[in-house]
Amino acid sequence: MLKISVLNETDQAIELQLEGMLIGRWVDELSRLSQDALAQGKSISLDMQRVWFVDARGATLLRNLAGQQVLQNNCSPFVSQQVKETGL
């Protein structure tokens, strides 16, 4: 399960806080929210401090979002390694 909270939103940017595990259908939900915001021309910042697990699809999404200039803040070393290893 993943909880996605909007911490701050303006016409130019949105900051989301993620809590839990980025797996399964939650990957699709984060993808949808992110693509909607990017389509509106908003910059995105993800607070990853409370994410403790990311599956392969979630890691792929995070890598793709990073390629679209989406910031990933406060990511734990464990989650960072999961994302890195999925890209090998």
PDB file of N, CA and C in Angstrom:
ATOM      1  N   MET A   1       0.838  -1.180   0.000  1.00  0.00           N
ATOM      2  CA  MET A   1       0.000   0.000   0.000  1.00  0.00           C
ATOM      3  C   MET A   1       0.883   1.243   0.000  1.00  0.00           C
ATOM      4  N   LEU A   2       0.398   2.269  -0.677  1.00  0.00           N
ATOM      5  CA  LEU A   2       1.118   3.531  -0.758  1.00  0.00           C
ATOM      6  C   LEU A   2       0.143   4.668  -0.517  1.00  0.00           C
ATOM      7  N   LYS A   3       0.510   5.555   0.370  1.00  0.00           N
ATOM      8  CA  LYS A   3      -0.268   6.770   0.599  1.00  0.00           C
ATOM      9  C   LYS A   3       0.435   7.897  -0.147  1.00  0.00           C
ATOM     10  N   ILE A   4      -0.331   8.629  -0.953  1.00  0.00           N
ATOM     11  CA  ILE A   4       0.204   9.756  -1.703  1.00  0.00           C
ATOM     12  C   ILE A   4      -0.507  11.008  -1.220  1.00  0.00           C
ATOM     13  N   SER A   5       0.252  11.940  -0.651  1.00  0.00           N
ATOM     14  CA  SER A   5      -0.312  13.188  -0.125  1.00  0.00           C
ATOM     15  C   SER A   5       0.286  14.372  -0.868  1.00  0.00           C
ATOM     16  N   VAL A   6      -0.554  15.356  -1.159  1.00  0.00           N
ATOM     17  CA  VAL A   6      -0.079  16.601  -1.755  1.00  0.00           C
ATOM     18  C   VAL A   6       0.363  17.511  -0.614  1.00  0.00           C
ATOM     19  N   LEU A   7       1.663  17.811  -0.557  1.00  0.00           N
ATOM     20  CA  LEU A   7       2.193  18.693   0.483  1.00  0.00           C
ATOM     21  C   LEU A   7       2.051  20.156   0.097  1.00  0.00           C
ATOM     22  N   ASN A   8       2.211  20.416  -1.199  1.00  0.00           N
ATOM     23  CA  ASN A   8       2.144  21.793  -1.685  1.00  0.00           C
ATOM     24  C   ASN A   8       1.855  21.747  -3.178  1.00  0.00           C
ATOM     25  N   GLU A   9       0.999  22.658  -3.641  1.00  0.00           N
ATOM     26  CA  GLU A   9       0.706  22.721  -5.072  1.00  0.00           C
ATOM     27  C   GLU A   9       0.454  24.161  -5.486  1.00  0.00           C
ATOM     28  N   THR A  10       1.093  24.539  -6.580  1.00  0.00           N
ATOM     29  CA  THR A  10       0.878  25.848  -7.195  1.00  0.00           C
ATOM     30  C   THR A  10       0.590  25.611  -8.674  1.00  0.00           C
ATOM     31  N   ASP A  11       0.445  26.687  -9.423  1.00  0.00           N
ATOM     32  CA  ASP A  11       0.246  26.554 -10.866  1.00  0.00           C
ATOM     33  C   ASP A  11       1.487  25.998 -11.563  1.00  0.00           C
ATOM     34  N   GLN A  12       2.654  26.161 -10.929  1.00  0.00           N
ATOM     35  CA  GLN A  12       3.913  25.745 -11.547  1.00  0.00           C
ATOM     36  C   GLN A  12       4.499  24.444 -10.998  1.00  0.00           C
ATOM     37  N   ALA A  13       4.088  24.027  -9.810  1.00  0.00           N
ATOM     38  CA  ALA A  13       4.756  22.892  -9.171  1.00  0.00           C
ATOM     39  C   ALA A  13       3.815  22.135  -8.240  1.00  0.00           C
ATOM     40  N   ILE A  14       4.188  20.878  -8.004  1.00  0.00           N
ATOM     41  CA  ILE A  14       3.475  20.061  -7.027  1.00  0.00           C
ATOM     42  C   ILE A  14       4.506  19.249  -6.246  1.00  0.00           C
ATOM     43  N   GLU A  15       4.300  19.167  -4.943  1.00  0.00           N
ATOM     44  CA  GLU A  15       5.158  18.359  -4.076  1.00  0.00           C
ATOM     45  C   GLU A  15       4.299  17.260  -3.470  1.00  0.00           C
ATOM     46  N   LEU A  16       4.710  16.014  -3.718  1.00  0.00           N
ATOM     47  CA  LEU A  16       3.979  14.858  -3.218  1.00  0.00           C
ATOM     48  C   LEU A  16       4.804  14.133  -2.169  1.00  0.00           C
ATOM     49  N   GLN A  17       4.142  13.687  -1.111  1.00  0.00           N
ATOM     50  CA  GLN A  17       4.795  12.850  -0.104  1.00  0.00           C
ATOM     51  C   GLN A  17       4.286  11.430  -0.300  1.00  0.00           C
ATOM     52  N   LEU A  18       5.222  10.495  -0.421  1.00  0.00           N
ATOM     53  CA  LEU A  18       4.881   9.088  -0.586  1.00  0.00           C
ATOM     54  C   LEU A  18       5.177   8.358   0.714  1.00  0.00           C
ATOM     55  N   GLU A  19       4.254   7.477   1.107  1.00  0.00           N
ATOM     56  CA  GLU A  19       4.433   6.709   2.342  1.00  0.00           C
ATOM     57  C   GLU A  19       4.036   5.263   2.101  1.00  0.00           C
ATOM     58  N   GLY A  20       4.973   4.343   2.335  1.00  0.00           N
ATOM     59  CA  GLY A  20       4.655   2.924   2.217  1.00  0.00           C
ATOM     60  C   GLY A  20       5.487   2.250   1.148  1.00  0.00           C
ATOM     61  N   MET A  21       4.823   1.364   0.392  1.00  0.00           N
ATOM     62  CA  MET A  21       5.496   0.572  -0.633  1.00  0.00           C
ATOM     63  C   MET A  21       4.994   0.970  -2.014  1.00  0.00           C
ATOM     64  N   LEU A  22       5.920   1.265  -2.907  1.00  0.00           N
ATOM     65  CA  LEU A  22       5.585   1.607  -4.287  1.00  0.00           C
ATOM     66  C   LEU A  22       5.577   0.310  -5.088  1.00  0.00           C
ATOM     67  N   ILE A  23       4.419  -0.339  -5.095  1.00  0.00           N
ATOM     68  CA  ILE A  23       4.258  -1.643  -5.737  1.00  0.00           C
ATOM     69  C   ILE A  23       2.891  -1.706  -6.426  1.00  0.00           C
ATOM     70  N   GLY A  24       2.769  -2.667  -7.334  1.00  0.00           N
ATOM     71  CA  GLY A  24       1.481  -2.990  -7.939  1.00  0.00           C
ATOM     72  C   GLY A  24       0.724  -1.801  -8.490  1.00  0.00           C
ATOM     73  N   ARG A  25      -0.542  -1.727  -8.122  1.00  0.00           N
ATOM     74  CA  ARG A  25      -1.413  -0.680  -8.671  1.00  0.00           C
ATOM     75  C   ARG A  25      -0.994   0.719  -8.233  1.00  0.00           C
ATOM     76  N   TRP A  26      -0.205   0.817  -7.176  1.00  0.00           N
ATOM     77  CA  TRP A  26       0.246   2.131  -6.709  1.00  0.00           C
ATOM     78  C   TRP A  26       1.268   2.730  -7.665  1.00  0.00           C
ATOM     79  N   VAL A  27       1.973   1.878  -8.388  1.00  0.00           N
ATOM     80  CA  VAL A  27       2.886   2.364  -9.430  1.00  0.00           C
ATOM     81  C   VAL A  27       2.071   3.067 -10.511  1.00  0.00           C
ATOM     82  N   ASP A  28       0.961   2.444 -10.903  1.00  0.00           N
ATOM     83  CA  ASP A  28       0.087   3.039 -11.919  1.00  0.00           C
ATOM     84  C   ASP A  28      -0.501   4.360 -11.438  1.00  0.00           C
ATOM     85  N   GLU A  29      -0.885   4.420 -10.171  1.00  0.00           N
ATOM     86  CA  GLU A  29      -1.477   5.642  -9.622  1.00  0.00           C
ATOM     87  C   GLU A  29      -0.455   6.779  -9.596  1.00  0.00           C
ATOM     88  N   LEU A  30       0.767   6.497  -9.153  1.00  0.00           N
ATOM     89  CA  LEU A  30       1.801   7.532  -9.149  1.00  0.00           C
ATOM     90  C   LEU A  30       2.132   7.965 -10.572  1.00  0.00           C
ATOM     91  N   SER A  31       2.167   7.024 -11.486  1.00  0.00           N
ATOM     92  CA  SER A  31       2.419   7.350 -12.885  1.00  0.00           C
ATOM     93  C   SER A  31       1.338   8.278 -13.424  1.00  0.00           C
ATOM     94  N   ARG A  32       0.082   7.970 -13.145  1.00  0.00           N
ATOM     95  CA  ARG A  32      -1.033   8.791 -13.613  1.00  0.00           C
ATOM     96  C   ARG A  32      -0.951  10.204 -13.047  1.00  0.00           C
ATOM     97  N   LEU A  33      -0.743  10.301 -11.731  1.00  0.00           N
ATOM     98  CA  LEU A  33      -0.639  11.619 -11.096  1.00  0.00           C
ATOM     99  C   LEU A  33       0.525  12.426 -11.668  1.00  0.00           C
ATOM    100  N   SER A  34       1.639  11.760 -11.864  1.00  0.00           N
ATOM    101  CA  SER A  34       2.833  12.437 -12.378  1.00  0.00           C
ATOM    102  C   SER A  34       2.625  12.907 -13.809  1.00  0.00           C
ATOM    103  N   GLN A  35       2.078  12.041 -14.647  1.00  0.00           N
ATOM    104  CA  GLN A  35       1.867  12.416 -16.045  1.00  0.00           C
ATOM    105  C   GLN A  35       0.855  13.549 -16.170  1.00  0.00           C
ATOM    106  N   ASP A  36      -0.179  13.533 -15.327  1.00  0.00           N
ATOM    107  CA  ASP A  36      -1.152  14.634 -15.322  1.00  0.00           C
ATOM    108  C   ASP A  36      -0.471  15.959 -14.975  1.00  0.00           C
ATOM    109  N   ALA A  37       0.362  15.942 -13.941  1.00  0.00           N
ATOM    110  CA  ALA A  37       1.056  17.167 -13.516  1.00  0.00           C
ATOM    111  C   ALA A  37       2.035  17.639 -14.587  1.00  0.00           C
ATOM    112  N   LEU A  38       2.782  16.711 -15.174  1.00  0.00           N
ATOM    113  CA  LEU A  38       3.734  17.084 -16.221  1.00  0.00           C
ATOM    114  C   LEU A  38       3.012  17.640 -17.443  1.00  0.00           C
ATOM    115  N   ALA A  39       1.860  17.069 -17.780  1.00  0.00           N
ATOM    116  CA  ALA A  39       1.073  17.558 -18.917  1.00  0.00           C
ATOM    117  C   ALA A  39       0.584  18.984 -18.684  1.00  0.00           C
ATOM    118  N   GLN A  40       0.408  19.351 -17.415  1.00  0.00           N
ATOM    119  CA  GLN A  40      -0.004  20.710 -17.057  1.00  0.00           C
ATOM    120  C   GLN A  40       1.196  21.659 -16.967  1.00  0.00           C
ATOM    121  N   GLY A  41       2.391  21.141 -17.243  1.00  0.00           N
ATOM    122  CA  GLY A  41       3.595  21.961 -17.204  1.00  0.00           C
ATOM    123  C   GLY A  41       4.142  22.185 -15.807  1.00  0.00           C
ATOM    124  N   LYS A  42       3.720  21.357 -14.852  1.00  0.00           N
ATOM    125  CA  LYS A  42       4.184  21.521 -13.470  1.00  0.00           C
ATOM    126  C   LYS A  42       5.467  20.740 -13.236  1.00  0.00           C
ATOM    127  N   SER A  43       6.339  21.309 -12.410  1.00  0.00           N
ATOM    128  CA  SER A  43       7.477  20.541 -11.929  1.00  0.00           C
ATOM    129  C   SER A  43       6.987  19.693 -10.755  1.00  0.00           C
ATOM    130  N   ILE A  44       7.640  18.551 -10.560  1.00  0.00           N
ATOM    131  CA  ILE A  44       7.211  17.610  -9.523  1.00  0.00           C
ATOM    132  C   ILE A  44       8.373  17.322  -8.592  1.00  0.00           C
ATOM    133  N   SER A  45       8.063  17.299  -7.307  1.00  0.00           N
ATOM    134  CA  SER A  45       9.015  16.902  -6.279  1.00  0.00           C
ATOM    135  C   SER A  45       8.367  15.796  -5.453  1.00  0.00           C
ATOM    136  N   LEU A  46       9.073  14.672  -5.317  1.00  0.00           N
ATOM    137  CA  LEU A  46       8.580  13.546  -4.533  1.00  0.00           C
ATOM    138  C   LEU A  46       9.371  13.447  -3.236  1.00  0.00           C
ATOM    139  N   ASP A  47       8.686  13.496  -2.106  1.00  0.00           N
ATOM    140  CA  ASP A  47       9.326  13.259  -0.809  1.00  0.00           C
ATOM    141  C   ASP A  47       9.234  11.760  -0.547  1.00  0.00           C
ATOM    142  N   MET A  48      10.383  11.089  -0.617  1.00  0.00           N
ATOM    143  CA  MET A  48      10.445   9.625  -0.537  1.00  0.00           C
ATOM    144  C   MET A  48      10.854   9.118   0.847  1.00  0.00           C
ATOM    145  N   GLN A  49      10.900   9.991   1.836  1.00  0.00           N
ATOM    146  CA  GLN A  49      11.431   9.624   3.148  1.00  0.00           C
ATOM    147  C   GLN A  49      10.718   8.419   3.767  1.00  0.00           C
ATOM    148  N   ARG A  50       9.427   8.284   3.538  1.00  0.00           N
ATOM    149  CA  ARG A  50       8.653   7.222   4.185  1.00  0.00           C
ATOM    150  C   ARG A  50       8.355   6.044   3.261  1.00  0.00           C
ATOM    151  N   VAL A  51       9.094   5.947   2.159  1.00  0.00           N
ATOM    152  CA  VAL A  51       8.961   4.795   1.263  1.00  0.00           C
ATOM    153  C   VAL A  51       9.984   3.761   1.695  1.00  0.00           C
ATOM    154  N   TRP A  52       9.528   2.539   1.982  1.00  0.00           N
ATOM    155  CA  TRP A  52      10.481   1.530   2.458  1.00  0.00           C
ATOM    156  C   TRP A  52      10.684   0.383   1.488  1.00  0.00           C
ATOM    157  N   PHE A  53       9.905   0.335   0.398  1.00  0.00           N
ATOM    158  CA  PHE A  53      10.123  -0.713  -0.603  1.00  0.00           C
ATOM    159  C   PHE A  53       9.587  -0.246  -1.943  1.00  0.00           C
ATOM    160  N   VAL A  54      10.309  -0.615  -3.004  1.00  0.00           N
ATOM    161  CA  VAL A  54       9.913  -0.304  -4.375  1.00  0.00           C
ATOM    162  C   VAL A  54      10.102  -1.577  -5.196  1.00  0.00           C
ATOM    163  N   ASP A  55       9.040  -2.015  -5.907  1.00  0.00           N
ATOM    164  CA  ASP A  55       9.206  -3.196  -6.754  1.00  0.00           C
ATOM    165  C   ASP A  55       9.850  -2.788  -8.080  1.00  0.00           C
ATOM    166  N   ALA A  56      10.071  -3.751  -8.967  1.00  0.00           N
ATOM    167  CA  ALA A  56      10.776  -3.473 -10.223  1.00  0.00           C
ATOM    168  C   ALA A  56      10.042  -2.438 -11.070  1.00  0.00           C
ATOM    169  N   ARG A  57       8.725  -2.535 -11.162  1.00  0.00           N
ATOM    170  CA  ARG A  57       7.954  -1.555 -11.937  1.00  0.00           C
ATOM    171  C   ARG A  57       8.044  -0.170 -11.308  1.00  0.00           C
ATOM    172  N   GLY A  58       8.006  -0.122  -9.976  1.00  0.00           N
ATOM    173  CA  GLY A  58       8.130   1.155  -9.278  1.00  0.00           C
ATOM    174  C   GLY A  58       9.490   1.785  -9.511  1.00  0.00           C
ATOM    175  N   ALA A  59      10.530   0.963  -9.478  1.00  0.00           N
ATOM    176  CA  ALA A  59      11.884   1.464  -9.716  1.00  0.00           C
ATOM    177  C   ALA A  59      12.024   1.988 -11.140  1.00  0.00           C
ATOM    178  N   THR A  60      11.441   1.273 -12.091  1.00  0.00           N
ATOM    179  CA  THR A  60      11.469   1.728 -13.484  1.00  0.00           C
ATOM    180  C   THR A  60      10.750   3.060 -13.623  1.00  0.00           C
ATOM    181  N   LEU A  61       9.591   3.191 -12.972  1.00  0.00           N
ATOM    182  CA  LEU A  61       8.858   4.457 -13.006  1.00  0.00           C
ATOM    183  C   LEU A  61       9.708   5.584 -12.426  1.00  0.00           C
ATOM    184  N   LEU A  62      10.334   5.355 -11.280  1.00  0.00           N
ATOM    185  CA  LEU A  62      11.151   6.397 -10.656  1.00  0.00           C
ATOM    186  C   LEU A  62      12.312   6.810 -11.551  1.00  0.00           C
ATOM    187  N   ARG A  63      12.942   5.840 -12.213  1.00  0.00           N
ATOM    188  CA  ARG A  63      14.026   6.170 -13.144  1.00  0.00           C
ATOM    189  C   ARG A  63      13.500   7.001 -14.308  1.00  0.00           C
ATOM    190  N   ASN A  64      12.343   6.600 -14.846  1.00  0.00           N
ATOM    191  CA  ASN A  64      11.756   7.350 -15.962  1.00  0.00           C
ATOM    192  C   ASN A  64      11.371   8.766 -15.540  1.00  0.00           C
ATOM    193  N   LEU A  65      10.803   8.901 -14.346  1.00  0.00           N
ATOM    194  CA  LEU A  65      10.429  10.228 -13.854  1.00  0.00           C
ATOM    195  C   LEU A  65      11.663  11.101 -13.641  1.00  0.00           C
ATOM    196  N   ALA A  66      12.733  10.505 -13.136  1.00  0.00           N
ATOM    197  CA  ALA A  66      13.977  11.263 -12.955  1.00  0.00           C
ATOM    198  C   ALA A  66      14.467  11.798 -14.298  1.00  0.00           C
ATOM    199  N   GLY A  67      14.278  11.018 -15.358  1.00  0.00           N
ATOM    200  CA  GLY A  67      14.644  11.460 -16.696  1.00  0.00           C
ATOM    201  C   GLY A  67      13.782  12.608 -17.200  1.00  0.00           C
ATOM    202  N   GLN A  68      12.642  12.817 -16.547  1.00  0.00           N
ATOM    203  CA  GLN A  68      11.744  13.924 -16.887  1.00  0.00           C
ATOM    204  C   GLN A  68      11.884  15.067 -15.879  1.00  0.00           C
ATOM    205  N   GLN A  69      13.009  15.086 -15.170  1.00  0.00           N
ATOM    206  CA  GLN A  69      13.347  16.141 -14.210  1.00  0.00           C
ATOM    207  C   GLN A  69      12.472  16.137 -12.955  1.00  0.00           C
ATOM    208  N   VAL A  70      11.876  14.989 -12.617  1.00  0.00           N
ATOM    209  CA  VAL A  70      11.116  14.880 -11.372  1.00  0.00           C
ATOM    210  C   VAL A  70      12.114  14.648 -10.239  1.00  0.00           C
ATOM    211  N   LEU A  71      12.073  15.512  -9.229  1.00  0.00           N
ATOM    212  CA  LEU A  71      12.989  15.406  -8.096  1.00  0.00           C
ATOM    213  C   LEU A  71      12.505  14.338  -7.126  1.00  0.00           C
ATOM    214  N   GLN A  72      13.450  13.556  -6.620  1.00  0.00           N
ATOM    215  CA  GLN A  72      13.151  12.535  -5.617  1.00  0.00           C
ATOM    216  C   GLN A  72      13.989  12.862  -4.391  1.00  0.00           C
ATOM    217  N   ASN A  73      13.336  13.392  -3.371  1.00  0.00           N
ATOM    218  CA  ASN A  73      14.020  13.864  -2.173  1.00  0.00           C
ATOM    219  C   ASN A  73      13.905  12.854  -1.033  1.00  0.00           C
ATOM    220  N   ASN A  74      14.903  12.859  -0.159  1.00  0.00           N
ATOM    221  CA  ASN A  74      14.893  12.075   1.082  1.00  0.00           C
ATOM    222  C   ASN A  74      14.744  10.579   0.846  1.00  0.00           C
ATOM    223  N   CYS A  75      15.308  10.091  -0.229  1.00  0.00           N
ATOM    224  CA  CYS A  75      15.217   8.669  -0.554  1.00  0.00           C
ATOM    225  C   CYS A  75      16.206   7.886   0.319  1.00  0.00           C
ATOM    226  N   SER A  76      15.743   6.802   0.922  1.00  0.00           N
ATOM    227  CA  SER A  76      16.623   5.997   1.774  1.00  0.00           C
ATOM    228  C   SER A  76      17.687   5.303   0.925  1.00  0.00           C
ATOM    229  N   PRO A  77      18.818   4.957   1.526  1.00  0.00           N
ATOM    230  CA  PRO A  77      19.847   4.223   0.785  1.00  0.00           C
ATOM    231  C   PRO A  77      19.315   2.901   0.219  1.00  0.00           C
ATOM    232  N   PHE A  78      18.446   2.226   0.969  1.00  0.00           N
ATOM    233  CA  PHE A  78      17.880   0.954   0.512  1.00  0.00           C
ATOM    234  C   PHE A  78      17.059   1.150  -0.757  1.00  0.00           C
ATOM    235  N   VAL A  79      16.158   2.126  -0.755  1.00  0.00           N
ATOM    236  CA  VAL A  79      15.315   2.382  -1.927  1.00  0.00           C
ATOM    237  C   VAL A  79      16.171   2.880  -3.091  1.00  0.00           C
ATOM    238  N   SER A  80      17.141   3.728  -2.818  1.00  0.00           N
ATOM    239  CA  SER A  80      18.048   4.197  -3.877  1.00  0.00           C
ATOM    240  C   SER A  80      18.744   3.021  -4.549  1.00  0.00           C
ATOM    241  N   GLN A  81      19.178   2.058  -3.749  1.00  0.00           N
ATOM    242  CA  GLN A  81      19.848   0.875  -4.293  1.00  0.00           C
ATOM    243  C   GLN A  81      18.882   0.031  -5.112  1.00  0.00           C
ATOM    244  N   GLN A  82      17.630  -0.101  -4.653  1.00  0.00           N
ATOM    245  CA  GLN A  82      16.629  -0.847  -5.424  1.00  0.00           C
ATOM    246  C   GLN A  82      16.453  -0.228  -6.808  1.00  0.00           C
ATOM    247  N   VAL A  83      16.349   1.080  -6.859  1.00  0.00           N
ATOM    248  CA  VAL A  83      16.160   1.777  -8.137  1.00  0.00           C
ATOM    249  C   VAL A  83      17.395   1.596  -9.014  1.00  0.00           C
ATOM    250  N   LYS A  84      18.564   1.732  -8.422  1.00  0.00           N
ATOM    251  CA  LYS A  84      19.813   1.597  -9.166  1.00  0.00           C
ATOM    252  C   LYS A  84      19.960   0.191  -9.742  1.00  0.00           C
ATOM    253  N   GLU A  85      19.697  -0.834  -8.946  1.00  0.00           N
ATOM    254  CA  GLU A  85      19.863  -2.216  -9.391  1.00  0.00           C
ATOM    255  C   GLU A  85      18.876  -2.589 -10.484  1.00  0.00           C
ATOM    256  N   THR A  86      17.704  -2.010 -10.475  1.00  0.00           N
ATOM    257  CA  THR A  86      16.712  -2.315 -11.499  1.00  0.00           C
ATOM    258  C   THR A  86      17.169  -1.797 -12.856  1.00  0.00           C
ATOM    259  N   GLY A  87      17.996  -0.767 -12.854  1.00  0.00           N
ATOM    260  CA  GLY A  87      18.482  -0.187 -14.101  1.00  0.00           C
ATOM    261  C   GLY A  87      19.663  -0.913 -14.720  1.00  0.00           C
ATOM    262  N   LEU A  88      20.161  -1.957 -14.076  1.00  0.00           N
ATOM    263  CA  LEU A  88      21.332  -2.679 -14.595  1.00  0.00           C
ATOM    264  C   LEU A  88      20.981  -3.519 -15.794  1.00  0.00           C
TER     265      LEU A  88
END
